[in-house]
């Protein structure tokens, strides 16, 4: 119950904050350009709290459904653009109506919302850089035999300093760069026993899309140094019969180095009823054990243990200086923006399955998890969602900001605005597309929820 309440609260805070940032962009630019704003609402539906601005011109509203928001400007809706409506306005109001403004003013208001979301992401990443992050150092823990890494001359214990001239500060940062560099030549500098060692190699693209797999592992063949440890052993299990104890560190399985939990599970799953050799480290002693995985209901092998992973190299605090943090804010926002565009493009072309699309449940779960992890994790989540919100709103879909920019561009090409009838029909289509997309994302959420 408390966990659900915490997740819900984190979700509401995140969505309300990001929507407020987005709508404030529209609001402040419209006001600065002399356009009359009638309402600024965070959320949809019945009003929970409302108040008026000092000049009694703008009504501020916090509504019951925190899944959106809007800034209502005079003359913004197609239904208000007829001659009868204009005649009802005073000369002062008519001059301040949105629809009579020059294209550059309307475009400025439309683009201001996404732009403020980008600004928020930049600021959030700057704060993260200045506050500091607990990161896994980019130290190579394991290397797969006959891998690209081994052929390139990488060694266990090498500290990766740069990739194609760009400094890297964590293992996550290394993986992100590897996704960008897959399919091309890589120039790497490593620190080896306090000596700078330059390396050069070709990084092949994985069979799957690089955004969906661990490129460092699949294509390069390096691992951050993970110890797979037995967290618990079930009574009367294959592991118990084979002499496996809680706390054992699994070094090898079937002669292969165990560098992650997934690899060990795959070995055991594929050898139901067969003898599997394990090399474990218990305290300071290395032991060779054998287990015979039992066959489960699906025909896969199980040995009855719970596994845990712990890093060989302990996390370190990475904190940036003032200038470095500023650059990090811009660079990180750019990286997240390009990644978001790539993912959207690959979903459209089916390179990445649309099943990866998440809706409000997925966002709420992520909000709750990151809030539990602390300030830096929650800020990273907010920055990522803010970038996504900016990119999605710039799509050329009617009712979105990108759709409004398209209307303005068509008006410039035609030399006159689109008719109110055309705008109303296209906006109905746009609303339909958004509803379908939201329903599909919600359907994906429910599938993931029930699948566990």
Protein backbone atom coordinates (compact mmCIF):
# COMPACT_ATOMS: atom_id res chain seq x y z
CA UNK A 1 0.00 0.00 0.00
CA UNK A 2 2.78 2.42 0.99
CA UNK A 3 4.76 1.49 -2.12
CA UNK A 4 1.75 2.21 -4.35
CA UNK A 5 1.20 5.54 -2.60
CA UNK A 6 4.86 6.44 -3.01
CA UNK A 7 4.82 5.53 -6.71
CA UNK A 8 1.62 7.51 -7.30
CA UNK A 9 2.98 10.56 -5.50
CA UNK A 10 6.27 10.44 -7.43
CA UNK A 11 4.35 10.13 -10.70
CA UNK A 12 2.08 13.10 -9.92
CA UNK A 13 5.03 15.27 -8.89
CA UNK A 14 6.98 14.35 -12.03
CA UNK A 15 4.12 14.86 -14.48
CA UNK A 16 2.84 18.04 -12.85
CA UNK A 17 6.32 19.57 -12.79
CA UNK A 18 7.16 18.75 -16.41
CA UNK A 19 3.76 19.88 -17.68
CA UNK A 20 4.10 23.10 -15.69
CA UNK A 21 7.49 23.73 -17.29
CA UNK A 22 6.10 23.04 -20.77
CA UNK A 23 3.01 25.18 -20.39
CA UNK A 24 4.93 27.97 -18.68
CA UNK A 25 7.03 28.21 -21.84
CA UNK A 26 3.90 28.87 -23.91
CA UNK A 27 2.49 31.18 -21.24
CA UNK A 28 5.48 33.45 -20.62
CA UNK A 29 6.34 33.89 -24.31
CA UNK A 30 2.71 34.68 -25.18
CA UNK A 31 2.51 37.25 -22.39
CA UNK A 32 5.85 38.82 -23.34
CA UNK A 33 4.67 39.14 -26.96
CA UNK A 34 1.44 40.87 -25.90
CA UNK A 35 -0.94 37.96 -26.62
CA UNK A 36 -3.89 37.71 -24.25
CA UNK A 37 -3.80 34.56 -22.11
CA UNK A 38 -7.12 33.63 -20.52
CA UNK A 39 -6.30 30.43 -18.63
CA UNK A 40 -3.21 28.48 -17.47
CA UNK A 41 -4.23 24.95 -16.40
CA UNK A 42 -2.15 22.11 -15.00
CA UNK A 43 -4.23 19.00 -15.58
CA UNK A 44 -7.60 18.41 -17.22
CA UNK A 45 -11.13 17.95 -15.93
CA UNK A 46 -12.77 19.55 -12.88
CA UNK A 47 -10.88 22.35 -11.20
CA UNK A 48 -9.42 21.56 -7.77
CA UNK A 49 -7.83 24.93 -7.10
CA UNK A 50 -8.06 28.14 -9.10
CA UNK A 51 -7.08 31.79 -8.68
CA UNK A 52 -6.71 34.92 -10.78
CA UNK A 53 -3.67 36.92 -11.72
CA UNK A 54 -3.22 40.38 -10.22
CA UNK A 55 -4.55 42.02 -13.37
CA UNK A 56 -7.59 39.67 -13.29
CA UNK A 57 -6.78 38.59 -16.84
CA UNK A 58 -5.42 35.04 -16.36
CA UNK A 59 -7.14 32.26 -14.46
CA UNK A 60 -4.69 29.75 -12.99
CA UNK A 61 -6.11 26.24 -12.51
CA UNK A 62 -4.94 22.98 -10.96
CA UNK A 63 -7.31 20.32 -12.33
CA UNK A 64 -8.18 16.81 -11.20
CA UNK A 65 -6.52 14.75 -13.97
CA UNK A 66 -2.74 15.39 -13.90
CA UNK A 67 -2.02 13.91 -17.35
CA UNK A 68 -1.70 17.13 -19.30
CA UNK A 69 -2.29 20.84 -19.24
CA UNK A 70 -2.91 23.80 -21.48
CA UNK A 71 -2.61 27.54 -21.93
CA UNK A 72 -5.84 29.07 -23.30
CA UNK A 73 -5.13 32.12 -25.46
CA UNK A 74 -7.73 34.42 -26.95
CA UNK A 75 -8.46 33.46 -30.57
CA UNK A 76 -6.43 30.25 -30.43
CA UNK A 77 -9.19 27.76 -31.24
CA UNK A 78 -10.50 27.46 -34.81
CA UNK A 79 -14.07 27.98 -33.54
CA UNK A 80 -13.10 31.44 -32.34
CA UNK A 81 -11.69 32.54 -35.69
CA UNK A 82 -14.93 33.40 -37.47
CA UNK A 83 -15.92 36.99 -38.28
CA UNK A 84 -18.80 36.95 -35.78
CA UNK A 85 -16.46 36.06 -32.95
CA UNK A 86 -14.05 38.83 -33.91
CA UNK A 87 -16.79 41.42 -34.00
CA UNK A 88 -17.68 40.62 -30.39
CA UNK A 89 -14.18 41.58 -29.24
CA UNK A 90 -13.07 45.06 -28.32
CA UNK A 91 -10.43 46.66 -30.51
CA UNK A 92 -7.83 46.09 -27.79
CA UNK A 93 -8.68 42.40 -27.39
CA UNK A 94 -8.86 41.86 -31.14
CA UNK A 95 -5.33 43.21 -31.48
CA UNK A 96 -4.14 40.81 -28.76
CA UNK A 97 -5.87 37.67 -30.13
CA UNK A 98 -3.56 34.79 -31.02
CA UNK A 99 -4.92 34.24 -34.53
CA UNK A 100 -4.24 37.82 -35.71
CA UNK A 101 -0.60 37.79 -34.63
CA UNK A 102 2.14 37.61 -37.28
CA UNK A 103 3.47 34.09 -38.01
CA UNK A 104 6.74 34.63 -36.15
CA UNK A 105 4.89 35.41 -32.90
CA UNK A 106 2.62 32.37 -33.18
CA UNK A 107 5.58 30.14 -34.06
CA UNK A 108 7.51 31.52 -31.06
CA UNK A 109 4.64 30.63 -28.73
CA UNK A 110 4.27 27.14 -30.25
CA UNK A 111 7.96 26.27 -29.98
CA UNK A 112 8.37 27.78 -26.49
CA UNK A 113 6.80 24.78 -24.68
CA UNK A 114 9.20 22.14 -26.07
CA UNK A 115 12.08 24.61 -25.76
CA UNK A 116 11.44 25.04 -22.04
CA UNK A 117 11.41 21.25 -21.65
CA UNK A 118 14.85 21.15 -23.29
CA UNK A 119 16.01 23.95 -20.96
CA UNK A 120 14.73 22.01 -17.95
CA UNK A 121 16.62 18.88 -19.07
CA UNK A 122 19.82 20.89 -19.53
CA UNK A 123 19.47 22.40 -16.06
CA UNK A 124 18.68 18.99 -14.49
CA UNK A 125 21.76 17.39 -16.04
CA UNK A 126 23.91 20.33 -14.94
CA UNK A 127 22.68 19.89 -11.36
CA UNK A 128 23.39 16.15 -11.57
CA UNK A 129 26.93 16.90 -12.73
CA UNK A 130 27.52 19.40 -9.94
CA UNK A 131 25.93 17.30 -7.17
CA UNK A 132 27.76 14.17 -8.30
CA UNK A 133 26.81 10.64 -9.26
CA UNK A 134 27.74 7.27 -7.80
CA UNK A 135 29.06 5.46 -10.88
CA UNK A 136 30.67 2.18 -11.80
CA UNK A 137 34.22 3.07 -12.91
CA UNK A 138 35.06 2.16 -16.55
CA UNK A 139 37.47 -0.57 -15.48
CA UNK A 140 37.49 -3.77 -17.52
CA UNK A 141 36.73 -6.71 -15.27
CA UNK A 142 36.44 -9.61 -17.74
CA UNK A 143 37.25 -10.21 -21.40
CA UNK A 144 35.63 -12.91 -23.53
CA UNK A 145 38.07 -15.31 -25.21
CA UNK A 146 38.72 -14.63 -28.94
CA UNK A 147 36.68 -11.42 -28.71
CA UNK A 148 37.34 -8.11 -30.43
CA UNK A 149 38.64 -6.78 -27.10
CA UNK A 150 41.16 -9.60 -26.73
CA UNK A 151 42.38 -9.21 -30.32
CA UNK A 152 42.68 -5.43 -29.84
CA UNK A 153 44.99 -5.95 -26.85
CA UNK A 154 42.70 -4.94 -24.01
CA UNK A 155 43.53 -6.43 -20.61
CA UNK A 156 41.58 -6.99 -17.43
CA UNK A 157 42.09 -4.02 -15.12
CA UNK A 158 42.45 -1.47 -17.94
CA UNK A 159 40.79 1.85 -17.08
CA UNK A 160 39.09 3.31 -20.16
CA UNK A 161 39.85 7.03 -20.44
CA UNK A 162 38.56 8.12 -23.86
CA UNK A 163 36.58 6.78 -26.83
CA UNK A 164 37.26 8.53 -30.15
CA UNK A 165 38.66 11.47 -28.24
CA UNK A 166 35.70 11.87 -25.86
CA UNK A 167 36.40 11.33 -22.14
CA UNK A 168 34.30 8.67 -20.39
CA UNK A 169 33.67 8.63 -16.66
CA UNK A 170 31.61 5.51 -15.99
CA UNK A 171 30.75 2.09 -17.35
CA UNK A 172 27.29 3.33 -18.35
CA UNK A 173 28.95 6.15 -20.28
CA UNK A 174 31.17 3.60 -22.07
CA UNK A 175 28.14 1.55 -23.09
CA UNK A 176 26.30 4.61 -24.41
CA UNK A 177 29.31 5.56 -26.54
CA UNK A 178 29.64 1.98 -27.79
CA UNK A 179 26.04 2.05 -29.02
CA UNK A 180 26.90 5.14 -31.08
CA UNK A 181 30.17 3.71 -32.42
CA UNK A 182 28.93 0.22 -33.38
CA UNK A 183 29.76 -0.53 -37.00
CA UNK A 184 32.78 1.78 -37.16
CA UNK A 185 36.38 2.24 -36.08
CA UNK A 186 37.07 3.00 -32.44
CA UNK A 187 40.08 4.77 -30.97
CA UNK A 188 40.39 4.00 -27.26
CA UNK A 189 42.83 5.23 -24.65
CA UNK A 190 43.25 3.18 -21.49
CA UNK A 191 45.19 3.69 -18.29
CA UNK A 192 47.31 0.57 -17.68
CA UNK A 193 49.54 0.63 -14.63
CA UNK A 194 49.65 4.45 -14.79
CA UNK A 195 50.66 4.37 -18.45
CA UNK A 196 48.50 5.76 -21.27
CA UNK A 197 47.95 3.02 -23.86
CA UNK A 198 46.26 3.88 -27.21
CA UNK A 199 44.26 1.15 -28.96
CA UNK A 200 42.40 1.04 -32.26
CA UNK A 201 39.88 -1.55 -33.49
CA UNK A 202 36.76 -2.06 -35.57
CA UNK A 203 33.59 -2.51 -33.50
CA UNK A 204 31.13 -4.71 -35.41
CA UNK A 205 27.41 -4.01 -35.15
CA UNK A 206 25.43 -6.58 -33.15
CA UNK A 207 22.74 -8.63 -34.90
CA UNK A 208 20.06 -6.85 -32.88
CA UNK A 209 19.62 -3.08 -32.86
CA UNK A 210 22.41 -1.50 -30.73
CA UNK A 211 19.82 0.39 -28.68
CA UNK A 212 18.35 -2.91 -27.45
CA UNK A 213 21.49 -4.83 -26.47
CA UNK A 214 24.65 -4.42 -24.44
CA UNK A 215 27.16 -3.55 -27.18
CA UNK A 216 30.18 -3.63 -24.85
CA UNK A 217 29.36 -7.24 -24.06
CA UNK A 218 27.99 -8.49 -27.38
CA UNK A 219 30.28 -6.77 -29.89
CA UNK A 220 33.43 -5.88 -27.96
CA UNK A 221 33.45 -8.73 -25.43
CA UNK A 222 34.19 -6.77 -22.25
CA UNK A 223 32.44 -6.81 -18.90
CA UNK A 224 32.60 -4.41 -15.94
CA UNK A 225 33.71 -7.08 -13.50
CA UNK A 226 30.64 -8.63 -11.89
CA UNK A 227 30.75 -11.34 -9.24
CA UNK A 228 27.83 -13.77 -9.43
CA UNK A 229 27.14 -14.97 -5.90
CA UNK A 230 24.74 -17.57 -4.48
CA UNK A 231 22.27 -15.57 -2.40
CA UNK A 232 20.30 -18.58 -1.13
CA UNK A 233 19.98 -22.32 -1.75
CA UNK A 234 16.65 -24.18 -1.61
CA UNK A 235 16.36 -27.34 0.48
CA UNK A 236 16.38 -30.64 -1.47
CA UNK A 237 17.56 -28.78 -4.60
CA UNK A 238 20.12 -29.84 -7.18
CA UNK A 239 22.47 -27.15 -5.89
CA UNK A 240 22.15 -28.43 -2.31
CA UNK A 241 22.89 -31.99 -3.43
CA UNK A 242 25.90 -30.76 -5.39
CA UNK A 243 27.43 -29.05 -2.36
CA UNK A 244 26.69 -25.43 -3.35
CA UNK A 245 26.41 -23.11 -0.35
CA UNK A 246 25.08 -19.61 0.23
CA UNK A 247 27.84 -17.06 -0.37
CA UNK A 248 29.67 -19.11 -3.02
CA UNK A 249 31.12 -16.98 -5.80
CA UNK A 250 30.57 -18.74 -9.16
CA UNK A 251 33.74 -18.37 -11.22
CA UNK A 252 33.05 -20.79 -14.08
CA UNK A 253 30.26 -22.99 -15.43
CA UNK A 254 31.07 -25.71 -17.95
CA UNK A 255 34.52 -24.18 -18.32
CA UNK A 256 33.12 -20.76 -19.29
CA UNK A 257 33.80 -17.67 -17.19
CA UNK A 258 30.64 -16.46 -15.44
CA UNK A 259 30.54 -12.69 -15.89
CA UNK A 260 26.82 -12.07 -15.40
CA UNK A 261 23.73 -13.76 -14.03
CA UNK A 262 22.06 -14.15 -17.41
CA UNK A 263 24.95 -16.20 -18.82
CA UNK A 264 24.86 -18.63 -15.88
CA UNK A 265 21.09 -19.03 -16.11
CA UNK A 266 21.33 -19.82 -19.84
CA UNK A 267 23.92 -22.54 -19.21
CA UNK A 268 21.77 -24.17 -16.52
CA UNK A 269 18.49 -23.80 -18.45
CA UNK A 270 19.93 -25.51 -21.52
CA UNK A 271 21.28 -28.55 -19.60
CA UNK A 272 18.28 -30.00 -17.81
CA UNK A 273 19.11 -33.47 -16.49
CA UNK A 274 22.77 -33.17 -17.53
CA UNK A 275 25.84 -32.80 -15.35
CA UNK A 276 27.05 -29.20 -15.09
CA UNK A 277 30.50 -28.43 -13.73
CA UNK A 278 30.87 -25.36 -11.52
CA UNK A 279 33.98 -23.70 -10.22
CA UNK A 280 33.24 -21.66 -7.11
CA UNK A 281 35.25 -19.55 -4.71
CA UNK A 282 34.33 -20.09 -1.06
CA UNK A 283 36.15 -17.74 1.27
CA UNK A 284 39.68 -18.05 -0.13
CA UNK A 285 39.32 -21.61 -1.47
CA UNK A 286 38.49 -22.52 -5.09
CA UNK A 287 36.32 -25.65 -5.39
CA UNK A 288 35.15 -27.72 -8.37
CA UNK A 289 31.57 -28.94 -7.97
CA UNK A 290 29.02 -30.71 -10.17
CA UNK A 291 25.24 -30.29 -10.22
CA UNK A 292 22.48 -31.93 -12.22
CA UNK A 293 19.76 -29.34 -13.02
CA UNK A 294 16.22 -30.58 -12.39
CA UNK A 295 13.69 -30.33 -15.22
CA UNK A 296 10.99 -27.72 -14.62
CA UNK A 297 7.47 -27.56 -16.12
CA UNK A 298 8.81 -25.88 -19.27
CA UNK A 299 11.54 -28.45 -19.81
CA UNK A 300 14.31 -26.09 -18.67
CA UNK A 301 16.99 -26.81 -16.11
CA UNK A 302 16.89 -25.38 -12.58
CA UNK A 303 19.25 -25.92 -9.66
CA UNK A 304 17.21 -24.16 -6.95
CA UNK A 305 19.28 -21.11 -6.10
CA UNK A 306 18.75 -17.37 -5.92
CA UNK A 307 21.57 -15.43 -7.55
CA UNK A 308 22.95 -12.01 -6.76
CA UNK A 309 25.47 -9.85 -8.56
CA UNK A 310 28.00 -7.53 -6.98
CA UNK A 311 30.65 -5.40 -8.69
CA UNK A 312 34.31 -6.31 -8.51
CA UNK A 313 35.16 -2.60 -8.53
CA UNK A 314 33.16 -0.55 -6.07
CA UNK A 315 31.18 2.49 -7.26
CA UNK A 316 32.89 5.87 -7.00
CA UNK A 317 31.51 9.39 -6.66
CA UNK A 318 31.99 11.38 -9.85
CA UNK A 319 31.45 15.11 -9.39
CA UNK A 320 31.98 17.75 -12.08
CA UNK A 321 33.28 21.29 -11.82
CA UNK A 322 31.18 24.31 -12.71
CA UNK A 323 32.28 24.56 -16.36
CA UNK A 324 32.33 20.80 -16.94
CA UNK A 325 28.83 20.54 -15.48
CA UNK A 326 27.57 23.25 -17.84
CA UNK A 327 28.91 21.41 -20.87
CA UNK A 328 27.56 18.12 -19.51
CA UNK A 329 24.06 19.61 -19.36
CA UNK A 330 24.14 20.58 -23.03
CA UNK A 331 25.86 17.39 -24.24
CA UNK A 332 23.64 15.04 -22.25
CA UNK A 333 20.47 16.75 -23.43
CA UNK A 334 21.66 16.50 -27.03
CA UNK A 335 22.50 12.80 -26.60
CA UNK A 336 19.09 12.02 -25.09
CA UNK A 337 17.34 14.03 -27.83
CA UNK A 338 19.08 12.19 -30.66
CA UNK A 339 18.46 8.84 -28.95
CA UNK A 340 14.74 9.64 -28.56
CA UNK A 341 14.48 10.58 -32.25
CA UNK A 342 16.30 7.39 -33.26
CA UNK A 343 14.01 5.22 -31.15
CA UNK A 344 10.89 6.88 -32.57
CA UNK A 345 12.18 6.49 -36.11
CA UNK A 346 13.00 2.83 -35.56
CA UNK A 347 9.57 2.20 -34.06
CA UNK A 348 7.96 3.72 -37.15
CA UNK A 349 10.07 1.50 -39.42
CA UNK A 350 9.56 -1.53 -37.11
CA UNK A 351 13.32 -1.85 -36.54
CA UNK A 352 12.40 -1.63 -32.86
CA UNK A 353 9.14 -3.22 -31.80
CA UNK A 354 6.41 -0.73 -30.75
CA UNK A 355 5.91 -3.06 -27.77
CA UNK A 356 8.77 -1.13 -26.16
CA UNK A 357 6.51 1.93 -25.97
CA UNK A 358 5.56 2.73 -22.39
CA UNK A 359 2.48 4.53 -21.10
CA UNK A 360 1.41 6.11 -17.82
CA UNK A 361 1.84 2.91 -15.79
CA UNK A 362 5.42 2.43 -17.00
CA UNK A 363 6.22 6.08 -16.32
CA UNK A 364 4.67 5.86 -12.85
CA UNK A 365 6.67 2.73 -12.00
CA UNK A 366 9.89 4.36 -13.19
CA UNK A 367 9.08 7.52 -11.25
CA UNK A 368 8.59 5.49 -8.06
CA UNK A 369 11.78 3.46 -8.52
CA UNK A 370 13.98 6.47 -9.28
CA UNK A 371 12.50 8.44 -6.40
CA UNK A 372 13.47 5.58 -4.07
CA UNK A 373 17.04 5.67 -5.42
CA UNK A 374 17.47 9.30 -4.47
CA UNK A 375 17.69 12.83 -5.81
CA UNK A 376 20.15 12.20 -8.66
CA UNK A 377 18.25 9.21 -10.06
CA UNK A 378 14.93 11.08 -9.90
CA UNK A 379 16.44 14.14 -11.59
CA UNK A 380 17.83 11.91 -14.36
CA UNK A 381 14.36 10.47 -14.85
CA UNK A 382 12.79 13.93 -14.99
CA UNK A 383 15.37 15.11 -17.52
CA UNK A 384 14.79 12.09 -19.77
CA UNK A 385 10.99 12.44 -19.66
CA UNK A 386 11.33 16.18 -20.29
CA UNK A 387 13.35 15.50 -23.44
CA UNK A 388 10.78 12.92 -24.57
CA UNK A 389 7.97 15.40 -23.94
CA UNK A 390 9.75 18.05 -26.01
CA UNK A 391 10.45 15.73 -28.95
CA UNK A 392 6.93 14.25 -29.00
CA UNK A 393 5.35 17.71 -28.93
CA UNK A 394 7.40 18.76 -31.95
CA UNK A 395 6.00 15.94 -34.09
CA UNK A 396 3.93 17.28 -37.04
CA UNK A 397 0.63 16.08 -35.58
CA UNK A 398 -2.37 18.45 -35.32
CA UNK A 399 -3.11 19.56 -31.72
CA UNK A 400 0.60 19.16 -30.86
CA UNK A 401 3.03 22.06 -31.03
CA UNK A 402 4.62 20.56 -34.14
CA UNK A 403 1.19 20.56 -35.77
CA UNK A 404 0.75 24.27 -35.03
CA UNK A 405 4.14 24.95 -36.60
CA UNK A 406 2.97 23.07 -39.70
CA UNK A 407 -0.18 25.24 -39.86
CA UNK A 408 1.99 28.36 -39.73
CA UNK A 409 4.36 27.02 -42.39
CA UNK A 410 1.43 26.22 -44.72
CA UNK A 411 0.04 29.69 -44.10
CA UNK A 412 3.35 31.24 -45.18
CA UNK A 413 3.41 29.09 -48.33
CA UNK A 414 -0.23 29.84 -49.24
CA UNK A 415 -0.09 33.49 -48.32
CA UNK A 416 -3.21 33.12 -46.17
CA UNK A 417 -4.27 31.04 -43.14
CA UNK A 418 -6.07 27.72 -43.40
CA UNK A 419 -9.83 27.87 -43.00
CA UNK A 420 -11.30 27.16 -39.57
CA UNK A 421 -13.13 24.12 -41.03
CA UNK A 422 -9.87 22.55 -42.26
CA UNK A 423 -8.17 23.20 -38.94
CA UNK A 424 -11.06 21.69 -36.99
CA UNK A 425 -11.10 18.53 -39.13
CA UNK A 426 -7.33 18.05 -38.96
CA UNK A 427 -7.32 18.59 -35.21
CA UNK A 428 -9.98 15.90 -34.82
CA UNK A 429 -7.66 13.56 -36.76
CA UNK A 430 -4.77 14.61 -34.53
CA UNK A 431 -6.76 13.93 -31.38
CA UNK A 432 -7.69 10.52 -32.76
CA UNK A 433 -4.03 9.67 -33.40
CA UNK A 434 -3.03 10.74 -29.90
CA UNK A 435 -5.85 8.70 -28.32
CA UNK A 436 -4.87 5.59 -30.32
CA UNK A 437 -1.22 6.03 -29.32
CA UNK A 438 -2.13 6.43 -25.66
CA UNK A 439 -4.38 3.38 -25.71
CA UNK A 440 -1.65 1.31 -27.35
CA UNK A 441 0.92 2.46 -24.76
CA UNK A 442 -1.56 1.68 -21.97
CA UNK A 443 -2.16 -1.77 -23.49
CA UNK A 444 1.61 -2.39 -23.47
CA UNK A 445 1.71 -1.32 -19.82
CA UNK A 446 -1.00 -3.79 -18.88
CA UNK A 447 0.73 -6.63 -20.74
CA UNK A 448 4.00 -5.98 -18.93
CA UNK A 449 2.15 -5.67 -15.63
CA UNK A 450 0.35 -9.01 -15.93
CA UNK A 451 3.41 -10.79 -17.34
CA UNK A 452 5.33 -9.62 -14.30
